[in-house]
Amino acid sequence: MQQMVGAAKKVIGENGGDGISRGVFSVLGMADTTRGWSQGSHLAEVGVMLVPTDKREIGSHEFAQLWRREIGDVPGLEFMTFDSSTGRSETPPIDVRLSHRDPRMLEGAATALAAQMATFAGLKDVDDGIELGKPQLDFTLSDDGILAGLTPADLAAQVRASFYGAEALRQQRGRNEVKVMVRLPLEERRSLSSVEDLVVRTPIGGEMPLRRAARVDRGRAYTSINRAEGKRVIRVQADVFEGEANAQEVMKVLLSESLPQIKARYPGLTWERAGRQKSMEEFWDFLIVAFAFALLAIYGLIAVPLKSFAQPFFAVMMAIPFGFVGAVLGHWLMGLDWSMVSWMGLVALSGVVVNDSLVFVAAANRFRGEGLDRLAAAEAAARQRFRPILLTSLTTFGGLAPMIFETSVQARIIIPMAVSLGYGVLFATLIVLLIVPSLFAIVEGPRERWSAWQDEEEEAPAPEGSP
């Protein structure tokens, strides 16, 4: 912990001094791991509180990498992880949950998978998920102990009373109650050999050495046993260096190549995505269904007033994919990564970009009803609705601009959604003014020719001899 604190202060001093940090805090005996808060004298946590991004030149991810490099290798360290996210730490992007009925085979598979992850370039903080805990002694009754009438409960009670103590009586002392415990002298409790030399009593009144009554094995106590759906599981996790590895590509290789090879060595092993990857799967399942219903509802709401099956799809809703292009360009211009919030902004965008197209098509249909042909109606509608369409898009983007260009940490969550919506509407406006009139003319072409053919049929002279 002191080494981590010293390295943090050195990185702060080399990158702006105390002006970039609000302080360094350290906690011994407690750590915030990816599985929740844990306690124990073998754990430590060190945190650095940085000032807002607009008041420092170094980013949090860059600071974490420099800090990691400054600490270097720590002899005897079991696991160390760095988190440079805002607020509570999230689960790493690489997260696989393994399950097996045999704990030993499960641990072997977890170790093998962690070794496979370590071979990928750009991965960091690979954790096999195995927490062996502190050493302990395991007692198993021998045949002699069973024949003597001993039970596991009898053996455990005698060992506990010998080394921890048995309550003999309670003495009242003023307002306090004092427990009187009886146990072996200190000289007989100092070494592990005293455990095997312990003499236990049998139910029939005899005595026998503990080494004869039971087998003593050295083991470890699990700090926690994780289960999911009634099955014992271990989560193998790893983080990625930004720009050096792609979490999706790494997971694809692990699921298609590494895990099948490990399963061949450990029959009965099952696995699934967990953490952030699992959340992404559930999000995509929901998003696809919700987006499909949204598009269907939009189509129905537009088709009823337009009284057409073709216009809502080929003229009005064709602005949606172009709005998606604008959202992608907006993320590129703003230097933002694509996220789940960005996709949520796209779903909202699909319901907004059709407004300008609907205004245009409604005006064009009105001009068609006044007797203009399809080309003249498209031109007249574009002229008449140019200002309302442009002002609607500009005011929408202006309303989202404070969120788009906000630099505070608190606004980072909603900025991708605002960028998708704002830039998508802005880009779709150009499409509505340039492409939608052409699409309207194309859609109305067959209808116009059909109407002209019907008029010709009605005006054609009747053949001779017809009634």
Protein backbone atom coordinates (compact mmCIF):
# COMPACT_ATOMS: atom_id res chain seq x y z
CA MET A 1 0.00 0.00 0.00
CA GLN A 2 2.83 2.40 0.81
CA GLN A 3 4.45 1.56 -2.52
CA MET A 4 1.20 2.38 -4.33
CA VAL A 5 0.83 5.68 -2.46
CA GLY A 6 4.42 6.67 -3.23
CA ALA A 7 3.97 5.86 -6.91
CA ALA A 8 0.73 7.88 -7.07
CA LYS A 9 2.38 10.95 -5.55
CA LYS A 10 5.27 10.66 -7.99
CA VAL A 11 2.93 10.52 -11.00
CA ILE A 12 1.01 13.52 -9.65
CA GLY A 13 4.25 15.48 -9.24
CA GLU A 14 5.36 14.72 -12.80
CA ASN A 15 2.04 15.71 -14.42
CA GLY A 16 1.03 19.03 -12.94
CA GLY A 17 1.66 18.69 -9.24
CA ASP A 18 -0.92 19.04 -6.50
CA GLY A 19 -3.10 21.14 -8.81
CA ILE A 20 -4.44 18.04 -10.60
CA SER A 21 -5.33 16.09 -7.45
CA ARG A 22 -7.67 16.60 -4.54
CA GLY A 23 -5.86 14.03 -2.45
CA VAL A 24 -4.74 10.43 -2.11
CA PHE A 25 -6.51 8.10 0.30
CA SER A 26 -5.60 4.56 1.30
CA VAL A 27 -7.43 1.85 3.22
CA LEU A 28 -5.81 -1.22 4.74
CA GLY A 29 -7.99 -4.25 5.39
CA MET A 30 -10.71 -3.42 2.87
CA ALA A 31 -10.93 -3.32 -0.92
CA ASP A 32 -13.62 -2.75 -3.53
CA THR A 33 -13.19 -5.71 -5.86
CA THR A 34 -15.33 -6.54 -8.89
CA ARG A 35 -17.30 -8.91 -6.67
CA GLY A 36 -18.14 -6.26 -4.06
CA TRP A 37 -16.56 -4.89 -0.92
CA SER A 38 -14.26 -7.36 0.83
CA GLN A 39 -12.57 -7.21 4.21
CA GLY A 40 -9.38 -8.72 5.53
CA SER A 41 -5.89 -7.70 6.62
CA HIS A 42 -4.53 -9.04 3.31
CA LEU A 43 -6.41 -6.41 1.25
CA ALA A 44 -5.60 -2.79 0.52
CA GLU A 45 -7.05 -0.03 -1.63
CA VAL A 46 -5.50 3.27 -2.76
CA GLY A 47 -7.48 5.96 -4.55
CA VAL A 48 -6.55 9.26 -6.19
CA MET A 49 -9.20 11.96 -6.53
CA LEU A 50 -8.46 14.06 -9.63
CA VAL A 51 -9.83 17.51 -10.36
CA PRO A 52 -12.34 17.93 -13.24
CA THR A 53 -11.03 17.21 -16.72
CA ASP A 54 -11.09 20.86 -17.80
CA LYS A 55 -8.60 21.71 -15.03
CA ARG A 56 -5.94 19.13 -15.91
CA GLU A 57 -4.14 18.06 -19.06
CA ILE A 58 -3.81 14.37 -18.22
CA GLY A 59 -6.76 12.00 -18.56
CA SER A 60 -7.79 9.50 -15.94
CA HIS A 61 -6.95 6.50 -18.15
CA GLU A 62 -3.51 7.89 -18.94
CA PHE A 63 -2.94 8.59 -15.24
CA ALA A 64 -3.86 4.99 -14.38
CA GLN A 65 -1.41 3.63 -16.96
CA LEU A 66 1.42 5.83 -15.68
CA TRP A 67 0.59 4.80 -12.12
CA ARG A 68 0.60 1.14 -13.08
CA ARG A 69 3.98 1.52 -14.80
CA GLU A 70 5.47 3.37 -11.82
CA ILE A 71 4.42 0.67 -9.33
CA GLY A 72 5.92 -2.13 -11.40
CA ASP A 73 6.02 -5.70 -10.15
CA VAL A 74 5.30 -6.34 -6.47
CA PRO A 75 6.74 -9.64 -5.14
CA GLY A 76 4.16 -11.92 -3.57
CA LEU A 77 1.20 -9.90 -4.79
CA GLU A 78 -1.74 -12.12 -5.73
CA PHE A 79 -3.83 -9.61 -7.66
CA MET A 80 -3.89 -5.88 -8.40
CA THR A 81 -6.37 -3.97 -10.55
CA PHE A 82 -6.75 -0.36 -11.66
CA ASP A 83 -10.05 1.39 -12.34
CA SER A 84 -10.20 4.85 -13.89
CA SER A 85 -13.95 5.09 -14.39
CA THR A 86 -16.21 7.74 -12.91
CA GLY A 87 -18.05 6.82 -9.73
CA ARG A 88 -18.55 3.18 -8.81
CA SER A 89 -16.41 0.72 -10.71
CA GLU A 90 -18.05 -1.35 -13.42
CA THR A 91 -17.42 -4.97 -14.22
CA PRO A 92 -14.54 -5.51 -16.70
CA PRO A 93 -15.46 -5.83 -20.39
CA ILE A 94 -14.08 -9.39 -20.51
CA ASP A 95 -16.18 -11.47 -18.12
CA VAL A 96 -16.89 -15.20 -18.45
CA ARG A 97 -18.81 -17.24 -15.89
CA LEU A 98 -17.75 -20.90 -15.61
CA SER A 99 -19.70 -23.68 -13.89
CA HIS A 100 -18.89 -27.28 -13.00
CA ARG A 101 -20.13 -29.75 -10.40
CA ASP A 102 -16.57 -30.62 -9.32
CA PRO A 103 -14.88 -27.65 -7.57
CA ARG A 104 -11.38 -28.88 -8.45
CA MET A 105 -12.18 -29.18 -12.15
CA LEU A 106 -13.88 -25.78 -12.01
CA GLU A 107 -10.76 -24.17 -10.54
CA GLY A 108 -8.58 -25.92 -13.11
CA ALA A 109 -10.73 -24.64 -15.95
CA ALA A 110 -10.68 -21.10 -14.51
CA THR A 111 -6.89 -21.19 -14.25
CA ALA A 112 -6.61 -22.45 -17.84
CA LEU A 113 -8.94 -19.74 -19.15
CA ALA A 114 -7.02 -17.02 -17.29
CA ALA A 115 -3.80 -18.34 -18.85
CA GLN A 116 -5.43 -18.10 -22.29
CA MET A 117 -6.52 -14.52 -21.61
CA ALA A 118 -2.97 -13.58 -20.59
CA THR A 119 -1.76 -14.45 -24.10
CA PHE A 120 -3.89 -11.73 -25.72
CA ALA A 121 -2.14 -8.44 -26.39
CA GLY A 122 -3.84 -5.42 -24.87
CA LEU A 123 -5.45 -7.21 -21.90
CA LYS A 124 -4.73 -6.25 -18.32
CA ASP A 125 -5.76 -7.23 -14.80
CA VAL A 126 -6.53 -10.84 -15.69
CA ASP A 127 -8.28 -12.47 -12.72
CA ASP A 128 -8.96 -16.20 -12.55
CA GLY A 129 -11.64 -15.59 -9.89
CA ILE A 130 -10.16 -18.13 -7.46
CA GLU A 131 -9.92 -16.91 -3.88
CA LEU A 132 -8.34 -19.67 -1.83
CA GLY A 133 -8.62 -17.79 1.45
CA LYS A 134 -6.54 -18.39 4.56
CA PRO A 135 -4.88 -21.72 5.52
CA GLN A 136 -6.84 -24.12 7.68
CA LEU A 137 -6.64 -27.67 9.01
CA ASP A 138 -9.20 -30.19 7.81
CA PHE A 139 -10.08 -33.15 10.06
CA THR A 140 -11.45 -36.43 8.74
CA LEU A 141 -12.38 -39.23 11.17
CA SER A 142 -10.29 -42.37 10.76
CA ASP A 143 -11.57 -45.94 11.05
CA ASP A 144 -10.16 -46.14 14.61
CA GLY A 145 -11.99 -42.99 15.58
CA ILE A 146 -15.27 -44.26 14.17
CA LEU A 147 -14.85 -47.62 15.98
CA ALA A 148 -14.19 -45.73 19.22
CA GLY A 149 -17.60 -44.06 18.85
CA LEU A 150 -16.41 -40.55 17.93
CA THR A 151 -18.51 -38.35 15.68
CA PRO A 152 -17.45 -35.23 13.72
CA ALA A 153 -19.38 -33.08 16.20
CA ASP A 154 -17.56 -34.66 19.20
CA LEU A 155 -14.17 -34.15 17.58
CA ALA A 156 -14.91 -30.55 16.60
CA ALA A 157 -16.17 -29.69 20.10
CA GLN A 158 -13.06 -31.06 21.79
CA VAL A 159 -10.65 -29.32 19.39
CA ARG A 160 -12.52 -26.03 19.80
CA ALA A 161 -12.56 -26.32 23.60
CA SER A 162 -8.83 -27.14 23.71
CA PHE A 163 -7.63 -24.19 21.64
CA TYR A 164 -10.42 -21.61 21.75
CA GLY A 165 -11.85 -22.52 25.13
CA ALA A 166 -15.03 -23.79 26.72
CA GLU A 167 -17.22 -21.64 28.90
CA ALA A 168 -17.00 -22.87 32.53
CA LEU A 169 -19.13 -20.22 34.22
CA ARG A 170 -20.26 -16.61 34.10
CA GLN A 171 -19.47 -14.20 36.91
CA GLN A 172 -21.39 -10.98 37.52
CA ARG A 173 -19.07 -8.04 38.15
CA GLY A 174 -21.03 -4.86 38.73
CA ARG A 175 -23.02 -4.14 35.59
CA ASN A 176 -20.84 -6.46 33.49
CA GLU A 177 -20.99 -10.22 33.06
CA VAL A 178 -17.59 -11.96 32.81
CA LYS A 179 -17.20 -15.28 31.00
CA VAL A 180 -14.71 -17.76 32.44
CA MET A 181 -13.16 -19.85 29.64
CA VAL A 182 -11.12 -23.03 30.15
CA ARG A 183 -8.55 -24.15 27.54
CA LEU A 184 -5.08 -25.63 27.21
CA PRO A 185 -2.06 -23.75 28.56
CA LEU A 186 -0.35 -21.38 26.13
CA GLU A 187 2.69 -23.68 25.79
CA GLU A 188 0.40 -26.40 24.39
CA ARG A 189 -1.29 -24.10 21.90
CA ARG A 190 1.65 -22.42 20.18
CA SER A 191 2.60 -24.85 17.41
CA LEU A 192 0.73 -26.93 14.86
CA SER A 193 2.32 -30.05 16.27
CA SER A 194 0.24 -29.49 19.39
CA VAL A 195 -2.85 -30.20 17.33
CA GLU A 196 -1.73 -33.67 16.31
CA ASP A 197 -0.44 -34.40 19.83
CA LEU A 198 -3.82 -33.51 21.32
CA VAL A 199 -5.47 -36.31 23.27
CA VAL A 200 -9.22 -36.65 22.78
CA ARG A 201 -11.75 -38.52 24.91
CA THR A 202 -13.99 -41.21 23.50
CA PRO A 203 -17.66 -41.64 24.43
CA ILE A 204 -16.87 -44.85 26.39
CA GLY A 205 -14.46 -42.98 28.67
CA GLY A 206 -11.17 -43.85 26.97
CA GLU A 207 -8.55 -41.60 25.38
CA MET A 208 -6.64 -41.62 22.09
CA PRO A 209 -4.31 -39.25 20.22
CA LEU A 210 -5.90 -36.98 17.66
CA ARG A 211 -3.54 -38.25 14.95
CA ARG A 212 -5.02 -41.71 15.45
CA ALA A 213 -8.63 -40.60 15.75
CA ALA A 214 -8.59 -38.45 12.61
CA ARG A 215 -6.56 -37.56 9.54
CA VAL A 216 -5.30 -33.96 9.59
CA ASP A 217 -4.88 -32.27 6.18
CA ARG A 218 -3.72 -28.77 5.40
CA GLY A 219 -6.21 -26.83 3.28
CA ARG A 220 -7.67 -23.39 2.71
CA ALA A 221 -10.99 -21.83 3.62
CA TYR A 222 -12.84 -20.21 0.73
CA THR A 223 -13.56 -16.56 1.44
CA SER A 224 -16.72 -16.83 -0.64
CA ILE A 225 -18.54 -19.42 -2.74
CA ASN A 226 -20.49 -17.92 -5.63
CA ARG A 227 -23.55 -19.63 -7.07
CA ALA A 228 -25.87 -18.81 -9.96
CA GLU A 229 -29.12 -20.67 -10.54
CA GLY A 230 -28.10 -23.24 -7.95
CA LYS A 231 -24.74 -23.99 -9.61
CA ARG A 232 -21.28 -23.22 -8.28
CA VAL A 233 -19.61 -20.67 -10.55
CA ILE A 234 -16.33 -18.80 -10.97
CA ARG A 235 -16.06 -15.59 -12.98
CA VAL A 236 -12.85 -15.10 -14.97
CA GLN A 237 -12.37 -11.44 -15.82
CA ALA A 238 -9.95 -9.13 -17.61
CA ASP A 239 -9.75 -5.48 -18.60
CA VAL A 240 -8.48 -3.98 -21.86
CA PHE A 241 -6.11 -1.16 -22.71
CA GLU A 242 -8.01 1.41 -24.76
CA GLY A 243 -6.91 1.38 -28.39
CA GLU A 244 -4.86 -1.80 -28.00
CA ALA A 245 -7.57 -4.48 -27.88
CA ASN A 246 -11.23 -4.90 -28.74
CA ALA A 247 -13.30 -6.60 -26.07
CA GLN A 248 -15.84 -7.94 -28.58
CA GLU A 249 -13.16 -9.56 -30.73
CA VAL A 250 -11.43 -11.08 -27.71
CA MET A 251 -14.71 -12.52 -26.43
CA LYS A 252 -15.45 -13.97 -29.88
CA VAL A 253 -12.11 -15.81 -29.90
CA LEU A 254 -12.57 -17.04 -26.33
CA LEU A 255 -16.06 -18.40 -26.98
CA SER A 256 -15.27 -19.99 -30.34
CA GLU A 257 -11.75 -21.36 -29.75
CA SER A 258 -10.39 -21.19 -26.20
CA LEU A 259 -13.41 -22.40 -24.25
CA PRO A 260 -14.16 -25.43 -26.46
CA GLN A 261 -10.53 -26.53 -26.03
CA ILE A 262 -10.78 -26.14 -22.26
CA LYS A 263 -14.08 -28.05 -22.18
CA ALA A 264 -12.38 -30.98 -23.92
CA ARG A 265 -9.94 -31.13 -20.99
CA TYR A 266 -12.64 -30.61 -18.35
CA PRO A 267 -15.81 -32.52 -19.42
CA GLY A 268 -19.03 -31.18 -17.95
CA LEU A 269 -17.84 -27.56 -18.00
CA THR A 270 -20.40 -24.91 -18.96
CA TRP A 271 -19.93 -21.21 -19.55
CA GLU A 272 -21.76 -18.03 -20.43
CA ARG A 273 -21.10 -14.34 -20.77
CA ALA A 274 -21.39 -12.33 -17.57
CA GLY A 275 -21.23 -8.76 -16.35
CA ARG A 276 -21.11 -6.13 -19.04
CA GLN A 277 -21.23 -8.68 -21.87
CA LYS A 278 -24.36 -10.28 -20.42
CA SER A 279 -25.97 -6.88 -20.02
CA MET A 280 -25.19 -6.08 -23.64
CA GLU A 281 -26.86 -9.31 -24.80
CA GLU A 282 -29.99 -8.56 -22.79
CA PHE A 283 -29.97 -4.96 -24.02
CA TRP A 284 -29.72 -6.03 -27.66
CA ASP A 285 -32.56 -8.53 -27.27
CA PHE A 286 -34.76 -5.81 -25.82
CA LEU A 287 -33.63 -3.13 -28.28
CA ILE A 288 -34.35 -5.21 -31.39
CA VAL A 289 -37.88 -6.06 -30.26
CA ALA A 290 -38.63 -2.55 -29.02
CA PHE A 291 -37.25 -0.94 -32.18
CA ALA A 292 -39.34 -3.24 -34.38
CA PHE A 293 -42.52 -2.33 -32.49
CA ALA A 294 -41.59 1.37 -32.65
CA LEU A 295 -41.14 1.27 -36.43
CA LEU A 296 -44.44 -0.58 -36.81
CA ALA A 297 -46.22 2.00 -34.68
CA ILE A 298 -44.65 4.87 -36.63
CA TYR A 299 -45.71 3.30 -39.92
CA GLY A 300 -49.28 2.84 -38.72
CA LEU A 301 -49.59 6.37 -37.38
CA ILE A 302 -48.32 7.82 -40.67
CA ALA A 303 -50.23 5.53 -43.02
CA VAL A 304 -53.64 6.44 -41.58
CA PRO A 305 -53.58 10.22 -42.28
CA LEU A 306 -51.71 9.81 -45.60
CA LYS A 307 -54.13 7.07 -46.76
CA SER A 308 -51.30 5.30 -48.50
CA PHE A 309 -49.24 2.14 -48.01
CA ALA A 310 -46.24 3.20 -50.11
CA GLN A 311 -45.69 6.81 -49.08
CA PRO A 312 -45.07 6.15 -45.35
CA PHE A 313 -42.37 3.59 -46.08
CA PHE A 314 -40.67 4.78 -49.28
CA ALA A 315 -40.92 8.55 -48.69
CA VAL A 316 -41.40 9.38 -45.01
CA MET A 317 -39.52 6.61 -43.16
CA MET A 318 -36.57 6.59 -45.57
CA ALA A 319 -35.17 9.51 -43.53
CA ILE A 320 -34.51 7.16 -40.60
CA PRO A 321 -31.40 5.39 -42.01
CA PHE A 322 -29.94 8.72 -43.08
CA GLY A 323 -30.48 9.98 -39.55
CA PHE A 324 -28.43 7.01 -38.36
CA VAL A 325 -25.60 8.18 -40.64
CA GLY A 326 -25.77 11.61 -39.06
CA ALA A 327 -25.57 10.09 -35.59
CA VAL A 328 -22.43 8.14 -36.55
CA LEU A 329 -20.83 11.25 -38.02
CA GLY A 330 -21.74 13.17 -34.87
CA HIS A 331 -19.93 10.66 -32.67
CA TRP A 332 -16.91 10.87 -34.94
CA LEU A 333 -16.86 14.67 -34.87
CA MET A 334 -17.24 14.77 -31.07
CA GLY A 335 -14.64 12.03 -30.52
CA LEU A 336 -17.08 9.81 -28.63
CA ASP A 337 -17.16 6.03 -28.45
CA TRP A 338 -20.32 4.20 -29.44
CA SER A 339 -22.25 2.92 -26.42
CA MET A 340 -25.61 1.53 -25.36
CA VAL A 341 -26.80 5.07 -24.66
CA SER A 342 -25.99 5.94 -28.28
CA TRP A 343 -28.29 3.18 -29.49
CA MET A 344 -31.04 4.46 -27.22
CA GLY A 345 -30.61 7.85 -28.85
CA LEU A 346 -31.02 6.21 -32.26
CA VAL A 347 -34.35 4.69 -31.23
CA ALA A 348 -35.55 8.13 -30.15
CA LEU A 349 -34.14 9.61 -33.38
CA SER A 350 -36.27 7.32 -35.54
CA GLY A 351 -39.40 8.96 -34.14
CA VAL A 352 -38.11 12.50 -34.61
CA VAL A 353 -36.62 12.52 -38.12
CA VAL A 354 -39.90 11.44 -39.71
CA ASN A 355 -41.55 14.69 -38.61
CA ASP A 356 -39.90 16.78 -41.34
CA SER A 357 -40.61 14.13 -43.98
CA LEU A 358 -44.23 13.95 -42.89
CA VAL A 359 -44.61 17.72 -43.15
CA PHE A 360 -43.18 17.66 -46.67
CA VAL A 361 -45.25 14.71 -47.91
CA ALA A 362 -48.47 16.16 -46.48
CA ALA A 363 -47.84 19.43 -48.33
CA ALA A 364 -46.97 17.61 -51.55
CA ASN A 365 -50.20 15.57 -51.37
CA ARG A 366 -52.18 18.77 -50.94
CA PHE A 367 -50.63 20.24 -54.08
CA ARG A 368 -51.35 16.99 -55.91
CA GLY A 369 -54.98 17.33 -54.89
CA GLU A 370 -55.02 20.80 -56.38
CA GLY A 371 -54.16 19.33 -59.78
CA LEU A 372 -50.34 19.61 -59.98
CA ASP A 373 -48.32 16.72 -61.34
CA ARG A 374 -45.91 14.85 -59.09
CA LEU A 375 -42.80 16.86 -60.04
CA ALA A 376 -44.50 20.20 -59.69
CA ALA A 377 -46.08 19.14 -56.38
CA ALA A 378 -42.69 18.04 -54.99
CA GLU A 379 -41.10 21.33 -56.04
CA ALA A 380 -43.92 23.43 -54.58
CA ALA A 381 -43.88 21.49 -51.30
CA ALA A 382 -40.09 21.89 -51.00
CA ARG A 383 -40.38 25.65 -51.45
CA GLN A 384 -43.28 26.06 -49.07
CA ARG A 385 -41.93 23.81 -46.30
CA PHE A 386 -38.26 24.74 -46.56
CA ARG A 387 -38.37 27.28 -43.70
CA PRO A 388 -40.52 25.20 -41.26
CA ILE A 389 -38.39 22.09 -41.82
CA LEU A 390 -35.12 23.98 -41.40
CA LEU A 391 -36.28 25.90 -38.31
CA THR A 392 -37.66 22.74 -36.69
CA SER A 393 -34.34 20.93 -37.07
CA LEU A 394 -32.24 23.91 -35.98
CA THR A 395 -34.34 24.52 -32.87
CA THR A 396 -34.16 20.81 -31.99
CA PHE A 397 -30.38 20.84 -32.33
CA GLY A 398 -30.18 24.10 -30.40
CA GLY A 399 -32.15 22.63 -27.54
CA LEU A 400 -29.78 19.64 -27.37
CA ALA A 401 -26.61 21.73 -27.81
CA PRO A 402 -26.11 22.45 -24.07
CA MET A 403 -26.02 18.70 -23.40
CA ILE A 404 -23.88 17.93 -26.46
CA PHE A 405 -21.16 20.43 -25.61
CA GLU A 406 -21.30 20.01 -21.81
CA THR A 407 -17.90 19.04 -20.35
CA SER A 408 -18.85 18.11 -16.80
CA VAL A 409 -18.41 14.57 -15.56
CA GLN A 410 -22.06 14.27 -14.58
CA ALA A 411 -23.22 14.85 -18.18
CA ARG A 412 -21.06 12.16 -19.78
CA ILE A 413 -23.78 9.56 -19.45
CA ILE A 414 -26.36 11.42 -21.55
CA ILE A 415 -24.00 13.10 -24.06
CA PRO A 416 -23.96 10.12 -26.51
CA MET A 417 -27.77 10.10 -26.59
CA ALA A 418 -27.89 13.85 -27.23
CA VAL A 419 -25.27 13.53 -29.99
CA SER A 420 -27.22 10.75 -31.71
CA LEU A 421 -30.43 12.76 -31.58
CA GLY A 422 -29.01 16.19 -32.40
CA TYR A 423 -26.65 15.34 -35.24
CA GLY A 424 -29.10 12.76 -36.62
CA VAL A 425 -31.84 15.38 -36.93
CA LEU A 426 -29.43 17.89 -38.42
CA PHE A 427 -28.16 15.48 -41.09
CA ALA A 428 -31.64 14.14 -41.85
CA THR A 429 -32.81 17.69 -42.62
CA LEU A 430 -30.54 17.82 -45.65
CA ILE A 431 -31.91 14.48 -46.77
CA VAL A 432 -35.51 15.65 -46.39
CA LEU A 433 -34.83 18.76 -48.47
CA LEU A 434 -32.82 17.01 -51.19
CA ILE A 435 -33.73 13.31 -51.43
CA VAL A 436 -37.27 13.01 -50.06
CA PRO A 437 -38.72 15.14 -52.90
CA SER A 438 -37.12 12.74 -55.37
CA LEU A 439 -38.47 9.73 -53.47
CA PHE A 440 -41.93 11.27 -53.44
CA ALA A 441 -41.80 11.78 -57.19
CA ILE A 442 -40.68 8.18 -57.70
CA VAL A 443 -43.42 6.77 -55.47
CA GLU A 444 -46.10 8.88 -57.15
CA GLY A 445 -44.95 7.88 -60.64
CA PRO A 446 -46.90 4.60 -60.88
CA ARG A 447 -50.01 6.22 -59.38
CA GLU A 448 -49.83 9.09 -61.85
CA ARG A 449 -49.47 6.71 -64.81
CA TRP A 450 -52.35 4.60 -63.52
CA SER A 451 -54.59 7.66 -63.24
CA ALA A 452 -53.61 8.77 -66.76
CA TRP A 453 -54.41 5.32 -68.15
CA GLN A 454 -57.83 5.31 -66.47
CA ASP A 455 -58.58 8.76 -67.92
CA GLU A 456 -57.63 7.53 -71.40
CA GLU A 457 -59.93 4.53 -71.01
CA GLU A 458 -62.84 6.73 -70.01
CA GLU A 459 -62.25 9.19 -72.89
CA ALA A 460 -61.82 6.51 -75.53
CA PRO A 461 -64.84 6.30 -78.00
CA ALA A 462 -67.08 3.31 -77.64
CA PRO A 463 -66.85 0.73 -80.49
CA GLU A 464 -69.60 0.71 -83.18
CA GLY A 465 -72.62 -1.37 -82.36
CA SER A 466 -72.13 -1.18 -78.59
CA PRO A 467 -75.16 -0.05 -76.55
